[in-house]
């Protein structure tokens, strides 16, 4: 496997994990407002993780 593929897979797994954790925090707990807010907060990580991954992949392709 090439390093770029490993980076892409790792980025997608991290984003999927963040999304799954967000859904779990939002729905699976006792339904308190704090749990819902924590779920929303973790859900906002997904676009940041994907953007970081895209930046790293682009910079890796540019350099080598």
N, C-alpha and C. Protein backbone atom coordinates (compact mmCIF):
# COMPACT_ATOMS: atom_id res chain seq x y z
N UNK A 1 0.84 -1.18 0.00
CA UNK A 1 0.00 0.00 0.00
C UNK A 1 0.88 1.24 0.00
N UNK A 2 0.49 2.21 -0.78
CA UNK A 2 1.24 3.47 -0.85
C UNK A 2 0.91 4.34 0.36
N UNK A 3 1.85 5.21 0.76
CA UNK A 3 1.58 6.10 1.90
C UNK A 3 0.36 7.00 1.70
N UNK A 4 0.12 7.41 0.47
CA UNK A 4 -1.05 8.26 0.21
C UNK A 4 -2.34 7.50 0.47
N UNK A 5 -2.39 6.24 0.09
CA UNK A 5 -3.57 5.42 0.34
C UNK A 5 -3.79 5.21 1.84
N UNK A 6 -2.70 4.98 2.55
CA UNK A 6 -2.79 4.80 4.00
C UNK A 6 -3.33 6.07 4.64
N UNK A 7 -2.86 7.22 4.20
CA UNK A 7 -3.33 8.50 4.74
C UNK A 7 -4.80 8.72 4.43
N UNK A 8 -5.23 8.38 3.22
CA UNK A 8 -6.63 8.53 2.86
C UNK A 8 -7.52 7.63 3.71
N UNK A 9 -7.12 6.38 3.87
CA UNK A 9 -7.92 5.44 4.65
C UNK A 9 -7.98 5.87 6.11
N UNK A 10 -6.84 6.31 6.65
CA UNK A 10 -6.80 6.76 8.04
C UNK A 10 -7.70 7.97 8.24
N UNK A 11 -7.68 8.89 7.30
CA UNK A 11 -8.52 10.08 7.39
C UNK A 11 -10.00 9.71 7.37
N UNK A 12 -10.37 8.83 6.46
CA UNK A 12 -11.77 8.42 6.37
C UNK A 12 -12.22 7.66 7.62
N UNK A 13 -11.35 6.81 8.16
CA UNK A 13 -11.69 6.09 9.38
C UNK A 13 -11.85 7.03 10.57
N UNK A 14 -10.98 8.03 10.66
CA UNK A 14 -11.09 9.00 11.75
C UNK A 14 -12.38 9.81 11.63
N UNK A 15 -12.73 10.21 10.41
CA UNK A 15 -13.97 10.97 10.21
C UNK A 15 -15.19 10.10 10.52
N UNK A 16 -15.16 8.84 10.08
CA UNK A 16 -16.28 7.94 10.35
C UNK A 16 -16.40 7.66 11.85
N UNK A 17 -15.28 7.50 12.52
CA UNK A 17 -15.29 7.30 13.97
C UNK A 17 -15.87 8.50 14.70
N UNK A 18 -15.50 9.68 14.25
CA UNK A 18 -16.03 10.89 14.86
C UNK A 18 -17.53 11.00 14.63
N UNK A 19 -17.98 10.66 13.45
CA UNK A 19 -19.41 10.70 13.16
C UNK A 19 -20.17 9.69 14.01
N UNK A 20 -19.63 8.48 14.12
CA UNK A 20 -20.27 7.45 14.93
C UNK A 20 -20.33 7.87 16.40
N UNK A 21 -19.25 8.42 16.91
CA UNK A 21 -19.23 8.88 18.30
C UNK A 21 -20.23 10.01 18.51
N UNK A 22 -20.35 10.89 17.53
CA UNK A 22 -21.29 11.99 17.63
C UNK A 22 -22.73 11.48 17.71
N UNK A 23 -23.06 10.54 16.84
CA UNK A 23 -24.41 9.98 16.85
C UNK A 23 -24.68 9.26 18.16
N UNK A 24 -23.69 8.51 18.64
CA UNK A 24 -23.87 7.80 19.91
C UNK A 24 -24.09 8.78 21.07
N UNK A 25 -23.28 9.83 21.12
CA UNK A 25 -23.45 10.80 22.20
C UNK A 25 -24.81 11.49 22.12
N UNK A 26 -25.26 11.77 20.91
CA UNK A 26 -26.51 12.50 20.74
C UNK A 26 -27.73 11.65 21.09
N UNK A 27 -27.72 10.37 20.69
CA UNK A 27 -28.93 9.55 20.82
C UNK A 27 -28.89 8.50 21.92
N UNK A 28 -27.74 7.90 22.20
CA UNK A 28 -27.70 6.69 23.01
C UNK A 28 -27.65 6.92 24.51
N UNK A 29 -27.49 8.12 24.96
CA UNK A 29 -27.40 8.37 26.40
C UNK A 29 -28.77 8.70 26.98
N UNK A 30 -28.80 9.21 28.18
CA UNK A 30 -30.07 9.45 28.87
C UNK A 30 -30.86 10.62 28.30
N UNK A 31 -30.34 11.30 27.30
CA UNK A 31 -31.08 12.37 26.66
C UNK A 31 -30.92 13.73 27.29
N UNK A 32 -29.93 13.88 28.16
CA UNK A 32 -29.73 15.19 28.77
C UNK A 32 -29.20 16.18 27.75
N UNK A 33 -29.38 17.43 28.04
CA UNK A 33 -28.96 18.49 27.13
C UNK A 33 -27.44 18.46 26.94
N UNK A 34 -26.70 18.17 28.01
CA UNK A 34 -25.24 18.13 27.90
C UNK A 34 -24.78 17.05 26.93
N UNK A 35 -25.42 15.89 26.94
CA UNK A 35 -25.05 14.82 26.02
C UNK A 35 -25.33 15.22 24.58
N UNK A 36 -26.45 15.87 24.35
CA UNK A 36 -26.78 16.31 23.00
C UNK A 36 -25.78 17.36 22.51
N UNK A 37 -25.42 18.29 23.38
CA UNK A 37 -24.44 19.31 22.99
C UNK A 37 -23.07 18.70 22.73
N UNK A 38 -22.67 17.71 23.52
CA UNK A 38 -21.41 17.03 23.27
C UNK A 38 -21.45 16.29 21.94
N UNK A 39 -22.58 15.70 21.60
CA UNK A 39 -22.72 15.04 20.31
C UNK A 39 -22.59 16.01 19.16
N UNK A 40 -23.19 17.17 19.29
CA UNK A 40 -23.07 18.19 18.25
C UNK A 40 -21.63 18.67 18.14
N UNK A 41 -20.98 18.86 19.28
CA UNK A 41 -19.59 19.32 19.28
C UNK A 41 -18.68 18.31 18.58
N UNK A 42 -18.82 17.05 18.90
CA UNK A 42 -17.98 16.02 18.27
C UNK A 42 -18.32 15.92 16.79
N UNK A 43 -19.56 16.14 16.42
CA UNK A 43 -19.96 16.10 15.01
C UNK A 43 -19.30 17.18 14.18
N UNK A 44 -18.94 18.29 14.80
CA UNK A 44 -18.28 19.36 14.04
C UNK A 44 -16.82 19.02 13.73
N UNK A 45 -16.30 17.95 14.32
CA UNK A 45 -14.93 17.54 14.01
C UNK A 45 -14.81 16.92 12.62
N UNK A 46 -15.90 16.34 12.13
CA UNK A 46 -15.84 15.57 10.88
C UNK A 46 -15.31 16.41 9.72
N UNK A 47 -15.86 17.60 9.44
CA UNK A 47 -15.32 18.38 8.33
C UNK A 47 -13.88 18.82 8.56
N UNK A 48 -13.52 19.07 9.81
CA UNK A 48 -12.14 19.46 10.11
C UNK A 48 -11.17 18.32 9.83
N UNK A 49 -11.55 17.11 10.21
CA UNK A 49 -10.70 15.94 9.95
C UNK A 49 -10.55 15.72 8.45
N UNK A 50 -11.66 15.82 7.72
CA UNK A 50 -11.60 15.63 6.27
C UNK A 50 -10.77 16.72 5.59
N UNK A 51 -10.89 17.95 6.05
CA UNK A 51 -10.09 19.03 5.47
C UNK A 51 -8.61 18.83 5.76
N UNK A 52 -8.27 18.42 6.97
CA UNK A 52 -6.88 18.15 7.29
C UNK A 52 -6.33 17.03 6.43
N UNK A 53 -7.12 15.97 6.27
CA UNK A 53 -6.69 14.85 5.43
C UNK A 53 -6.48 15.28 3.99
N UNK A 54 -7.39 16.09 3.45
CA UNK A 54 -7.24 16.57 2.08
C UNK A 54 -5.99 17.43 1.93
N UNK A 55 -5.74 18.26 2.92
CA UNK A 55 -4.53 19.09 2.89
C UNK A 55 -3.27 18.24 2.91
N UNK A 56 -3.23 17.23 3.77
CA UNK A 56 -2.06 16.38 3.87
C UNK A 56 -1.83 15.55 2.61
N UNK A 57 -2.92 15.04 2.04
CA UNK A 57 -2.79 14.26 0.81
C UNK A 57 -2.30 15.15 -0.33
N UNK A 58 -2.85 16.36 -0.44
CA UNK A 58 -2.43 17.28 -1.50
C UNK A 58 -0.96 17.67 -1.33
N UNK A 59 -0.54 17.93 -0.11
CA UNK A 59 0.85 18.32 0.09
C UNK A 59 1.78 17.14 -0.15
N UNK A 60 1.34 15.93 0.16
CA UNK A 60 2.17 14.75 -0.09
C UNK A 60 2.30 14.48 -1.58
N UNK A 61 1.24 14.67 -2.33
CA UNK A 61 1.30 14.47 -3.78
C UNK A 61 2.16 15.54 -4.44
N UNK A 62 2.13 16.73 -3.89
CA UNK A 62 2.92 17.83 -4.45
C UNK A 62 4.41 17.61 -4.23
N UNK A 63 4.75 17.09 -3.05
CA UNK A 63 6.16 16.90 -2.70
C UNK A 63 6.76 15.62 -3.26
N UNK A 64 5.95 14.68 -3.60
CA UNK A 64 6.59 13.46 -4.03
C UNK A 64 5.74 12.62 -4.85
